[in-house]
Amino acid sequence: MNEGALRAVKIAAIVMAVLIVLGTTTLFVMMAKRGMGSATPTAAMAPMEIAQIAAILYEPPGTRIAGITAVADRLAVQLTGGGADRIVLLDPRTGQVAGRVALAR
């Protein structure tokens, strides 16, 4: 092979290596974006309703909220202090107490 042909093969090899690196990087970036989820809503996603509820829990003095979590269609509010630890279940649509879970006294 002459020098011109060798030079062309070297250039082609370098270009192919760069394309492989760029393609692999693009693939990993796209996979990472899909794995994290999109922060912007898509047309297929229904808009989320942000509900605001007001709930007054009549609990003994010294009671504090230790945690809140969603359970099925209720909010479970974990209360500590002011007596035995307990959980109050709230209906998020109305803000009314739907139930209580406590240890027997």
C-alpha atoms as a PDB file:
ATOM      1  CA  MET A   1       0.000   0.000   0.000  1.00  0.00           C
ATOM      2  CA  ASN A   2       1.167   3.475  -0.659  1.00  0.00           C
ATOM      3  CA  GLU A   3       1.284   6.362   1.804  1.00  0.00           C
ATOM      4  CA  GLY A   4      -1.945   7.944   0.549  1.00  0.00           C
ATOM      5  CA  ALA A   5      -3.932   4.762   1.128  1.00  0.00           C
ATOM      6  CA  LEU A   6      -2.495   4.306   4.628  1.00  0.00           C
ATOM      7  CA  ARG A   7      -3.315   7.901   5.478  1.00  0.00           C
ATOM      8  CA  ALA A   8      -6.930   7.416   4.301  1.00  0.00           C
ATOM      9  CA  VAL A   9      -7.272   4.243   6.406  1.00  0.00           C
ATOM     10  CA  LYS A  10      -5.942   6.077   9.493  1.00  0.00           C
ATOM     11  CA  ILE A  11      -8.368   8.972   8.982  1.00  0.00           C
ATOM     12  CA  ALA A  12     -11.273   6.559   8.485  1.00  0.00           C
ATOM     13  CA  ALA A  13     -10.328   4.661  11.659  1.00  0.00           C
ATOM     14  CA  ILE A  14     -10.161   7.886  13.687  1.00  0.00           C
ATOM     15  CA  VAL A  15     -13.516   9.108  12.335  1.00  0.00           C
ATOM     16  CA  MET A  16     -15.150   5.751  13.140  1.00  0.00           C
ATOM     17  CA  ALA A  17     -13.708   5.772  16.666  1.00  0.00           C
ATOM     18  CA  VAL A  18     -15.055   9.285  17.276  1.00  0.00           C
ATOM     19  CA  LEU A  19     -18.494   8.240  15.969  1.00  0.00           C
ATOM     20  CA  ILE A  20     -18.529   5.191  18.252  1.00  0.00           C
ATOM     21  CA  VAL A  21     -17.646   7.317  21.295  1.00  0.00           C
ATOM     22  CA  LEU A  22     -20.291   9.942  20.429  1.00  0.00           C
ATOM     23  CA  GLY A  23     -22.951   7.305  19.801  1.00  0.00           C
ATOM     24  CA  THR A  24     -22.195   5.494  23.058  1.00  0.00           C
ATOM     25  CA  THR A  25     -22.266   8.753  25.016  1.00  0.00           C
ATOM     26  CA  THR A  26     -25.596   9.728  23.450  1.00  0.00           C
ATOM     27  CA  LEU A  27     -27.026   6.303  24.296  1.00  0.00           C
ATOM     28  CA  PHE A  28     -25.997   6.563  27.954  1.00  0.00           C
ATOM     29  CA  VAL A  29     -27.345  10.114  28.269  1.00  0.00           C
ATOM     30  CA  MET A  30     -30.717   9.093  26.800  1.00  0.00           C
ATOM     31  CA  MET A  31     -30.908   6.051  29.089  1.00  0.00           C
ATOM     32  CA  ALA A  32     -30.121   8.216  32.121  1.00  0.00           C
ATOM     33  CA  LYS A  33     -32.810  10.759  31.186  1.00  0.00           C
ATOM     34  CA  ARG A  34     -35.425   8.042  30.751  1.00  0.00           C
ATOM     35  CA  GLY A  35     -34.385   6.407  34.012  1.00  0.00           C
ATOM     36  CA  MET A  36     -34.762   9.638  35.978  1.00  0.00           C
ATOM     37  CA  GLY A  37     -38.047  10.534  34.351  1.00  0.00           C
ATOM     38  CA  SER A  38     -38.959  13.755  32.715  1.00  0.00           C
ATOM     39  CA  ALA A  39     -39.648  16.844  34.785  1.00  0.00           C
ATOM     40  CA  THR A  40     -41.762  18.339  32.016  1.00  0.00           C
ATOM     41  CA  PRO A  41     -45.223  16.882  31.437  1.00  0.00           C
ATOM     42  CA  THR A  42     -45.927  15.254  28.098  1.00  0.00           C
ATOM     43  CA  ALA A  43     -49.173  15.476  26.156  1.00  0.00           C
ATOM     44  CA  ALA A  44     -50.064  11.911  27.186  1.00  0.00           C
ATOM     45  CA  MET A  45     -49.880  12.769  30.882  1.00  0.00           C
ATOM     46  CA  ALA A  46     -53.013  14.129  32.532  1.00  0.00           C
ATOM     47  CA  PRO A  47     -52.462  17.292  34.530  1.00  0.00           C
ATOM     48  CA  MET A  48     -52.186  16.642  38.234  1.00  0.00           C
ATOM     49  CA  GLU A  49     -54.645  18.304  40.534  1.00  0.00           C
ATOM     50  CA  ILE A  50     -53.132  19.931  43.558  1.00  0.00           C
ATOM     51  CA  ALA A  51     -55.568  19.550  46.405  1.00  0.00           C
ATOM     52  CA  GLN A  52     -55.531  21.854  49.363  1.00  0.00           C
ATOM     53  CA  ILE A  53     -57.231  20.584  52.467  1.00  0.00           C
ATOM     54  CA  ALA A  54     -57.688  22.063  55.877  1.00  0.00           C
ATOM     55  CA  ALA A  55     -57.874  19.638  58.757  1.00  0.00           C
ATOM     56  CA  ILE A  56     -57.947  20.470  62.435  1.00  0.00           C
ATOM     57  CA  LEU A  57     -56.969  17.598  64.680  1.00  0.00           C
ATOM     58  CA  TYR A  58     -58.185  18.047  68.240  1.00  0.00           C
ATOM     59  CA  GLU A  59     -55.344  16.337  70.088  1.00  0.00           C
ATOM     60  CA  PRO A  60     -53.929  16.790  73.607  1.00  0.00           C
ATOM     61  CA  PRO A  61     -51.290  19.469  74.222  1.00  0.00           C
ATOM     62  CA  GLY A  62     -47.749  18.299  73.444  1.00  0.00           C
ATOM     63  CA  THR A  63     -48.869  16.312  70.408  1.00  0.00           C
ATOM     64  CA  ARG A  64     -46.679  16.634  67.341  1.00  0.00           C
ATOM     65  CA  ILE A  65     -46.797  15.202  63.828  1.00  0.00           C
ATOM     66  CA  ALA A  66     -44.043  12.602  63.384  1.00  0.00           C
ATOM     67  CA  GLY A  67     -44.863  11.773  59.772  1.00  0.00           C
ATOM     68  CA  ILE A  68     -47.443  11.780  57.006  1.00  0.00           C
ATOM     69  CA  THR A  69     -47.861   9.215  54.254  1.00  0.00           C
ATOM     70  CA  ALA A  70     -50.472   8.283  51.658  1.00  0.00           C
ATOM     71  CA  VAL A  71     -52.254   4.971  52.229  1.00  0.00           C
ATOM     72  CA  ALA A  72     -54.677   3.978  49.459  1.00  0.00           C
ATOM     73  CA  ASP A  73     -57.129   6.896  49.338  1.00  0.00           C
ATOM     74  CA  ARG A  74     -56.268   8.223  52.820  1.00  0.00           C
ATOM     75  CA  LEU A  75     -53.510  10.219  54.468  1.00  0.00           C
ATOM     76  CA  ALA A  76     -51.998   8.539  57.517  1.00  0.00           C
ATOM     77  CA  VAL A  77     -50.749  11.099  60.044  1.00  0.00           C
ATOM     78  CA  GLN A  78     -48.464   9.671  62.725  1.00  0.00           C
ATOM     79  CA  LEU A  79     -48.807  11.552  66.016  1.00  0.00           C
ATOM     80  CA  THR A  80     -46.500  11.363  69.032  1.00  0.00           C
ATOM     81  CA  GLY A  81     -46.619  13.006  72.443  1.00  0.00           C
ATOM     82  CA  GLY A  82     -49.700  14.018  74.378  1.00  0.00           C
ATOM     83  CA  GLY A  83     -50.374  10.376  75.240  1.00  0.00           C
ATOM     84  CA  ALA A  84     -49.798   7.107  73.423  1.00  0.00           C
ATOM     85  CA  ASP A  85     -48.429   7.262  69.879  1.00  0.00           C
ATOM     86  CA  ARG A  86     -51.208   6.980  67.338  1.00  0.00           C
ATOM     87  CA  ILE A  87     -52.124   7.272  63.668  1.00  0.00           C
ATOM     88  CA  VAL A  88     -55.012   9.378  62.384  1.00  0.00           C
ATOM     89  CA  LEU A  89     -56.419   8.588  58.939  1.00  0.00           C
ATOM     90  CA  LEU A  90     -57.649  11.613  56.982  1.00  0.00           C
ATOM     91  CA  ASP A  91     -59.840  11.749  53.895  1.00  0.00           C
ATOM     92  CA  PRO A  92     -57.850  14.092  51.603  1.00  0.00           C
ATOM     93  CA  ARG A  93     -60.966  15.218  49.714  1.00  0.00           C
ATOM     94  CA  THR A  94     -62.810  16.495  52.774  1.00  0.00           C
ATOM     95  CA  GLY A  95     -60.123  16.880  55.442  1.00  0.00           C
ATOM     96  CA  GLN A  96     -62.281  14.845  57.855  1.00  0.00           C
ATOM     97  CA  VAL A  97     -60.888  12.189  60.186  1.00  0.00           C
ATOM     98  CA  ALA A  98     -61.699   8.817  58.599  1.00  0.00           C
ATOM     99  CA  GLY A  99     -60.280   6.648  61.360  1.00  0.00           C
ATOM    100  CA  ARG A 100     -57.787   6.267  64.184  1.00  0.00           C
ATOM    101  CA  VAL A 101     -55.258   3.606  65.048  1.00  0.00           C
ATOM    102  CA  ALA A 102     -53.902   3.522  68.609  1.00  0.00           C
ATOM    103  CA  LEU A 103     -52.692   1.085  71.202  1.00  0.00           C
ATOM    104  CA  ALA A 104     -55.214   0.061  73.856  1.00  0.00           C
ATOM    105  CA  ARG A 105     -54.736   1.947  77.103  1.00  0.00           C
END
